[in-house]
Amino acid sequence: MTADTRPGLNPQRLVRLMSEAIDRCRLDLAERTVLTEAANGAYVVTPVLAAMAGANVRALAGSTAYATSGELRRVTTGLAQLAGVAGRVNFIQAKSPEHIGAADIVTNSGQVRPIDSKMIAEMKPSAVVALMYESWEHRGDDLDLAACRARSILVAGTNERHPSVDVFSFLGPMSVKQLHDAGIAVYGSRVVLLCDNEFGPFIERGLSNAGAEVVRAHKLTADILPAHCDAVLVALQPGAGHVFTAADARLLAQEAPGTIVVEYWGDTDRDALAAARVPVWPARPARAGHMAVLPSAVGPEPIIRLQAGGLKVGEVLARGLDRASPAELDLVQVL
């Protein structure tokens, strides 16, 4: 993957957006140690956000499929220097007992995962885990929740609909971007939205506002398919198998030939789609259980809002729920 060079991600703009997010969330991580990751693209902001809020940050910076360790250190250091917090961001190469044991707040970011029983055993009793998504999106392979509970380590998701975060409002633009990438104009298009979760109203509103004719349903049936359907957008909560099955592929090919299946969230049976000659987007599937379009597809704003909100969840947990304001409690989704 090439570096994201879109001008919307220029460092000066990122620092401004991060400052605004810290102010909105009243994020204060002074005297806290945060264990997170160094990343590229819009996700470069995570350790820098924590440092700007006063934390001592330990950022895992191993090489990934998208960037080398050196590249991650370089882009993160550059942003941290511009924000005036380079001295508070410390890069580490591995999840050693020393670094895990020092953390007050652990994020479930990419290089930190999995947060398994071995890692949890090395956390101090007062450590907390902040999930950078809503609690109902929890994936067992990300975090061993039973091991956390056994050690009384608090875990909480982030209310992405909280007014200080408001990430769900980007779900509609993300769907529009994905359909555009698939070659669907959206405006004037007929779209079936398959959604069985909290994303539904936000995606539907975004598509409708962009001029699409939208039918929302929990499952695909012949009676919901409009004549000359352009796309079926799949946004179904992942399960043990495919959420869009071989039977769905055959039904779509029979009732609405030429319709494109667009994966938003939830795994589709790609072999069955190919057999039924149903086109699917994106060309390569996402990792099982993961979204096929990231919030960063529409710019850094939703990522900055989400990471600031997740870090605020960590702050509230570490400080103590009994000391939280009603607005702060509304942000925290304890598992």
Protein backbone atom coordinates (compact mmCIF):
# COMPACT_ATOMS: atom_id res chain seq x y z
CA MET A 1 0.00 0.00 0.00
CA THR A 2 1.36 3.43 -0.92
CA ALA A 3 1.52 6.31 1.52
CA ASP A 4 -1.62 8.43 1.81
CA THR A 5 -0.55 11.75 0.28
CA ARG A 6 -3.96 13.42 0.14
CA PRO A 7 -3.59 17.08 1.16
CA GLY A 8 -6.35 16.68 3.75
CA LEU A 9 -3.83 14.74 5.84
CA ASN A 10 -1.21 17.47 5.93
CA PRO A 11 0.37 17.68 9.42
CA GLN A 12 -0.67 21.25 10.16
CA ARG A 13 -4.30 20.34 9.58
CA LEU A 14 -3.99 17.17 11.67
CA VAL A 15 -2.63 19.13 14.64
CA ARG A 16 -5.54 21.57 14.43
CA LEU A 17 -8.11 18.78 14.22
CA MET A 18 -6.47 16.96 17.14
CA SER A 19 -6.49 20.11 19.28
CA GLU A 20 -10.18 20.59 18.56
CA ALA A 21 -10.94 16.96 19.45
CA ILE A 22 -9.04 17.24 22.74
CA ASP A 23 -11.03 20.35 23.60
CA ARG A 24 -14.38 18.74 22.67
CA CYS A 25 -13.67 15.67 24.79
CA ARG A 26 -11.92 17.61 27.57
CA LEU A 27 -9.24 14.94 27.29
CA ASP A 28 -6.74 15.01 30.16
CA LEU A 29 -4.18 12.21 30.36
CA ALA A 30 -1.63 13.98 32.54
CA GLU A 31 0.41 11.55 34.67
CA ARG A 32 -1.00 8.57 32.74
CA THR A 33 1.01 6.06 30.71
CA VAL A 34 -0.72 4.95 27.51
CA LEU A 35 0.23 1.83 25.58
CA THR A 36 -0.85 2.12 21.94
CA GLU A 37 0.63 1.83 18.45
CA ALA A 38 2.45 3.93 15.90
CA ALA A 39 0.66 3.75 12.56
CA ASN A 40 0.48 5.50 9.21
CA GLY A 41 -2.19 7.38 7.29
CA ALA A 42 -4.85 8.96 9.48
CA TYR A 43 -4.01 6.53 12.31
CA VAL A 44 -0.68 8.30 12.86
CA VAL A 45 -2.61 10.58 15.22
CA THR A 46 -3.25 8.08 18.04
CA PRO A 47 0.01 8.33 20.06
CA VAL A 48 0.31 12.04 19.31
CA LEU A 49 -3.23 12.71 20.54
CA ALA A 50 -2.44 10.97 23.80
CA ALA A 51 0.78 12.94 24.19
CA MET A 52 -0.96 16.23 23.42
CA ALA A 53 -3.39 15.39 26.23
CA GLY A 54 -0.45 15.01 28.63
CA ALA A 55 0.22 11.26 28.57
CA ASN A 56 3.52 9.45 28.60
CA VAL A 57 3.09 7.28 25.50
CA ARG A 58 4.63 3.93 24.64
CA ALA A 59 3.92 3.33 20.96
CA LEU A 60 4.51 -0.06 19.39
CA ALA A 61 6.35 0.55 16.14
CA GLY A 62 7.04 -2.78 14.52
CA SER A 63 6.96 -3.13 10.74
CA THR A 64 3.50 -3.80 9.28
CA ALA A 65 2.11 -4.76 5.89
CA TYR A 66 1.78 -1.05 5.17
CA ALA A 67 4.98 0.52 6.51
CA THR A 68 8.36 -0.30 7.96
CA SER A 69 9.22 0.42 11.56
CA GLY A 70 11.46 3.26 10.42
CA GLU A 71 8.67 4.86 8.39
CA LEU A 72 6.25 4.66 11.31
CA ARG A 73 8.78 6.27 13.63
CA ARG A 74 9.54 8.99 11.10
CA VAL A 75 5.95 10.08 10.38
CA THR A 76 4.92 9.86 14.03
CA THR A 77 7.94 11.82 15.21
CA GLY A 78 7.34 14.50 12.60
CA LEU A 79 3.75 14.99 13.71
CA ALA A 80 4.70 14.89 17.39
CA GLN A 81 7.41 17.52 16.83
CA LEU A 82 4.94 19.81 15.05
CA ALA A 83 2.56 19.39 17.99
CA GLY A 84 5.39 20.06 20.47
CA VAL A 85 5.11 16.68 22.23
CA ALA A 86 7.90 14.56 20.73
CA GLY A 87 9.45 14.10 24.16
CA ARG A 88 6.37 12.26 25.40
CA VAL A 89 6.22 9.65 22.61
CA ASN A 90 8.49 6.67 23.19
CA PHE A 91 8.73 3.96 20.54
CA ILE A 92 8.92 0.29 21.52
CA GLN A 93 9.37 -2.80 19.39
CA ALA A 94 7.56 -5.44 21.41
CA LYS A 95 4.90 -5.98 24.07
CA SER A 96 7.41 -6.73 26.80
CA PRO A 97 6.27 -7.28 30.41
CA GLU A 98 8.00 -4.03 31.36
CA HIS A 99 5.99 -1.91 28.93
CA ILE A 100 2.72 -3.74 29.54
CA GLY A 101 3.13 -3.49 33.29
CA ALA A 102 3.76 0.26 33.14
CA ALA A 103 0.58 1.09 31.24
CA ASP A 104 -2.38 2.78 32.91
CA ILE A 105 -4.41 2.74 29.68
CA VAL A 106 -4.15 0.15 26.91
CA THR A 107 -5.84 0.71 23.54
CA ASN A 108 -6.93 -2.17 21.31
CA SER A 109 -5.07 -0.70 18.34
CA GLY A 110 -3.66 -2.91 15.59
CA GLN A 111 -0.14 -3.62 16.86
CA VAL A 112 -1.39 -3.95 20.45
CA ARG A 113 -3.78 -6.74 19.48
CA PRO A 114 -4.40 -9.40 20.49
CA ILE A 115 -4.87 -8.48 24.12
CA ASP A 116 -4.78 -12.09 25.23
CA SER A 117 -4.62 -13.80 28.61
CA LYS A 118 -0.81 -13.73 28.64
CA MET A 119 -0.73 -9.97 28.05
CA ILE A 120 -3.52 -9.36 30.55
CA ALA A 121 -1.61 -11.30 33.21
CA GLU A 122 1.25 -8.81 32.80
CA MET A 123 -0.95 -5.72 33.34
CA LYS A 124 -1.02 -4.00 36.69
CA PRO A 125 -4.31 -4.34 38.61
CA SER A 126 -5.26 -0.71 38.04
CA ALA A 127 -4.78 -0.87 34.24
CA VAL A 128 -7.78 -0.34 31.97
CA VAL A 129 -8.51 -1.24 28.35
CA ALA A 130 -10.14 1.28 26.01
CA LEU A 131 -11.81 -0.14 22.90
CA MET A 132 -11.74 2.13 19.86
CA TYR A 133 -15.24 1.07 18.82
CA GLU A 134 -18.66 0.52 20.38
CA SER A 135 -19.00 -2.30 22.89
CA TRP A 136 -21.40 -4.35 20.72
CA GLU A 137 -18.67 -4.53 18.04
CA HIS A 138 -16.32 -6.41 20.40
CA ARG A 139 -14.39 -9.22 18.73
CA GLY A 140 -13.15 -12.08 20.88
CA ASP A 141 -9.92 -12.41 18.90
CA ASP A 142 -9.10 -8.77 19.73
CA LEU A 143 -9.48 -9.06 23.49
CA ASP A 144 -9.90 -11.86 26.04
CA LEU A 145 -12.75 -10.33 28.00
CA ALA A 146 -12.97 -13.26 30.43
CA ALA A 147 -9.30 -12.84 31.38
CA CYS A 148 -9.85 -9.13 32.03
CA ARG A 149 -12.84 -9.87 34.24
CA ALA A 150 -10.90 -12.51 36.15
CA ARG A 151 -8.34 -9.85 37.07
CA SER A 152 -10.97 -7.08 37.56
CA ILE A 153 -9.41 -5.04 34.74
CA LEU A 154 -12.01 -2.62 33.44
CA VAL A 155 -12.83 -2.69 29.72
CA ALA A 156 -15.11 -0.28 27.91
CA GLY A 157 -16.16 0.60 24.40
CA THR A 158 -16.66 4.09 23.05
CA ASN A 159 -20.09 5.63 22.44
CA GLU A 160 -19.41 6.77 18.90
CA ARG A 161 -22.73 8.64 18.85
CA HIS A 162 -21.77 10.87 21.77
CA PRO A 163 -21.91 14.53 20.63
CA SER A 164 -18.23 15.02 21.48
CA VAL A 165 -17.30 12.14 19.17
CA ASP A 166 -20.11 11.78 16.57
CA VAL A 167 -18.34 9.19 14.40
CA PHE A 168 -21.58 7.53 13.28
CA SER A 169 -22.40 10.62 11.22
CA PHE A 170 -19.54 9.59 8.91
CA LEU A 171 -21.05 6.15 8.17
CA GLY A 172 -23.23 7.57 5.38
CA PRO A 173 -20.38 9.40 3.60
CA MET A 174 -18.29 6.21 3.90
CA SER A 175 -21.00 4.23 2.09
CA VAL A 176 -21.24 6.87 -0.62
CA LYS A 177 -17.46 6.78 -1.07
CA GLN A 178 -17.50 2.99 -1.33
CA LEU A 179 -20.29 2.98 -3.92
CA HIS A 180 -18.49 5.66 -5.93
CA ASP A 181 -15.35 3.53 -5.88
CA ALA A 182 -17.43 0.61 -7.17
CA GLY A 183 -18.67 2.72 -10.09
CA ILE A 184 -22.15 3.49 -8.73
CA ALA A 185 -23.12 7.15 -8.97
CA VAL A 186 -25.42 6.94 -5.89
CA TYR A 187 -27.45 9.93 -7.11
CA GLY A 188 -30.46 8.46 -8.86
CA SER A 189 -29.37 4.90 -8.02
CA ARG A 190 -31.48 2.17 -6.45
CA VAL A 191 -29.73 0.63 -3.46
CA VAL A 192 -30.79 -2.18 -1.13
CA LEU A 193 -29.18 -1.72 2.28
CA LEU A 194 -28.90 -4.96 4.23
CA CYS A 195 -28.28 -3.93 7.82
CA ASP A 196 -29.20 -5.53 11.14
CA ASN A 197 -27.37 -3.21 13.50
CA GLU A 198 -27.03 0.36 14.77
CA PHE A 199 -25.29 1.52 11.58
CA GLY A 200 -28.53 1.28 9.60
CA PRO A 201 -30.20 4.69 10.05
CA PHE A 202 -26.92 6.55 9.55
CA ILE A 203 -25.98 4.72 6.34
CA GLU A 204 -29.51 5.05 4.99
CA ARG A 205 -29.59 8.78 5.68
CA GLY A 206 -26.23 9.30 3.98
CA LEU A 207 -27.29 7.42 0.87
CA SER A 208 -30.67 9.17 0.71
CA ASN A 209 -29.06 12.58 1.17
CA ALA A 210 -26.76 11.75 -1.76
CA GLY A 211 -29.81 11.11 -3.94
CA ALA A 212 -30.19 7.33 -3.80
CA GLU A 213 -33.47 5.45 -3.59
CA VAL A 214 -32.88 3.19 -0.57
CA VAL A 215 -34.64 0.07 0.69
CA ARG A 216 -33.37 -1.10 4.09
CA ALA A 217 -33.90 -4.66 5.30
CA HIS A 218 -32.34 -7.26 7.59
CA LYS A 219 -32.20 -9.98 4.92
CA LEU A 220 -32.41 -10.32 1.17
CA THR A 221 -35.79 -11.42 -0.19
CA ALA A 222 -37.27 -11.18 -3.68
CA ASP A 223 -39.98 -8.74 -2.62
CA ILE A 224 -37.56 -6.02 -1.46
CA LEU A 225 -35.53 -5.94 -4.67
CA PRO A 226 -36.49 -2.90 -6.75
CA ALA A 227 -36.68 -3.13 -10.51
CA HIS A 228 -33.31 -2.35 -12.06
CA CYS A 229 -31.46 -2.51 -8.73
CA ASP A 230 -27.97 -0.98 -8.90
CA ALA A 231 -26.36 -2.25 -5.70
CA VAL A 232 -26.87 -4.28 -2.55
CA LEU A 233 -24.83 -2.75 0.24
CA VAL A 234 -24.06 -5.42 2.86
CA ALA A 235 -23.69 -3.98 6.38
CA LEU A 236 -24.59 -7.01 8.49
CA GLN A 237 -22.96 -7.79 11.81
CA PRO A 238 -20.38 -10.55 11.25
CA GLY A 239 -21.06 -14.01 12.59
CA ALA A 240 -19.47 -17.43 12.44
CA GLY A 241 -20.06 -17.79 8.69
CA HIS A 242 -21.02 -15.72 5.69
CA VAL A 243 -23.67 -13.07 6.29
CA PHE A 244 -24.35 -12.94 2.54
CA THR A 245 -24.75 -16.58 1.56
CA ALA A 246 -24.79 -18.73 -1.54
CA ALA A 247 -28.61 -18.66 -1.42
CA ASP A 248 -28.51 -14.85 -1.39
CA ALA A 249 -26.15 -14.84 -4.39
CA ARG A 250 -28.44 -17.15 -6.39
CA LEU A 251 -31.53 -15.10 -5.49
CA LEU A 252 -29.88 -11.85 -6.54
CA ALA A 253 -28.65 -13.31 -9.83
CA GLN A 254 -32.15 -14.58 -10.60
CA GLU A 255 -34.21 -11.56 -9.52
CA ALA A 256 -31.90 -8.63 -10.30
CA PRO A 257 -29.12 -9.62 -12.72
CA GLY A 258 -26.35 -7.05 -13.03
CA THR A 259 -26.74 -5.82 -9.46
CA ILE A 260 -23.44 -5.20 -7.66
CA VAL A 261 -22.85 -6.49 -4.12
CA VAL A 262 -20.84 -4.00 -2.07
CA GLU A 263 -19.30 -5.24 1.16
CA TYR A 264 -19.44 -2.62 3.90
CA TRP A 265 -19.36 -4.90 6.95
CA GLY A 266 -19.92 -8.62 7.17
CA ASP A 267 -18.36 -11.45 5.18
CA THR A 268 -19.87 -12.48 1.84
CA ASP A 269 -19.55 -15.85 0.12
CA ARG A 270 -17.25 -14.76 -2.69
CA ASP A 271 -17.07 -18.19 -4.30
CA ALA A 272 -20.87 -18.29 -4.53
CA LEU A 273 -20.99 -14.75 -5.91
CA ALA A 274 -18.46 -15.70 -8.58
CA ALA A 275 -20.40 -18.85 -9.43
CA ALA A 276 -23.61 -16.82 -9.78
CA ARG A 277 -21.75 -14.16 -11.80
CA VAL A 278 -22.66 -11.45 -9.35
CA PRO A 279 -20.09 -8.62 -9.29
CA VAL A 280 -18.70 -7.73 -5.86
CA TRP A 281 -16.75 -4.78 -4.46
CA PRO A 282 -14.12 -4.28 -3.13
CA ALA A 283 -12.03 -6.56 -5.30
CA ARG A 284 -10.33 -8.05 -2.25
CA PRO A 285 -12.33 -8.96 0.86
CA ALA A 286 -11.62 -7.42 4.22
CA ARG A 287 -10.26 -9.55 7.03
CA ALA A 288 -12.99 -11.74 8.48
CA GLY A 289 -15.19 -9.67 10.79
CA HIS A 290 -13.62 -6.35 9.80
CA MET A 291 -15.12 -3.46 7.87
CA ALA A 292 -14.34 -3.32 4.16
CA VAL A 293 -14.27 0.47 4.27
CA LEU A 294 -12.43 2.38 6.98
CA PRO A 295 -13.52 5.77 8.32
CA SER A 296 -10.19 7.12 7.04
CA ALA A 297 -11.47 6.63 3.48
CA VAL A 298 -13.29 9.96 3.79
CA GLY A 299 -10.46 11.77 5.58
CA PRO A 300 -8.81 11.98 9.00
CA GLU A 301 -11.72 13.63 10.83
CA PRO A 302 -13.60 10.46 11.90
CA ILE A 303 -10.37 8.77 12.98
CA ILE A 304 -9.30 11.71 15.11
CA ARG A 305 -12.76 11.91 16.69
CA LEU A 306 -12.81 8.17 17.39
CA GLN A 307 -9.29 7.98 18.83
CA ALA A 308 -9.87 11.01 21.04
CA GLY A 309 -13.13 9.47 22.26
CA GLY A 310 -11.47 6.12 22.95
CA LEU A 311 -8.67 7.78 24.88
CA LYS A 312 -11.29 9.71 26.86
CA VAL A 313 -12.90 6.38 27.75
CA GLY A 314 -9.51 5.26 29.04
CA GLU A 315 -9.16 8.44 31.06
CA VAL A 316 -12.58 8.01 32.68
CA LEU A 317 -11.93 4.36 33.54
CA ALA A 318 -8.49 5.10 34.96
CA ARG A 319 -9.77 8.00 37.03
CA GLY A 320 -12.71 5.98 38.34
CA LEU A 321 -16.30 5.78 37.16
CA ASP A 322 -17.47 7.14 40.50
CA ARG A 323 -15.69 10.41 39.68
CA ALA A 324 -17.15 10.77 36.18
CA SER A 325 -19.70 13.38 35.14
CA PRO A 326 -22.99 12.31 33.52
CA ALA A 327 -21.64 13.40 30.10
CA GLU A 328 -18.52 11.29 30.62
CA LEU A 329 -20.53 8.28 31.72
CA ASP A 330 -22.62 8.61 28.55
CA LEU A 331 -19.43 8.18 26.53
CA VAL A 332 -18.32 4.98 28.29
CA GLN A 333 -19.80 1.59 27.36
CA VAL A 334 -18.54 -0.80 30.04
CA LEU A 335 -18.34 -4.45 29.01
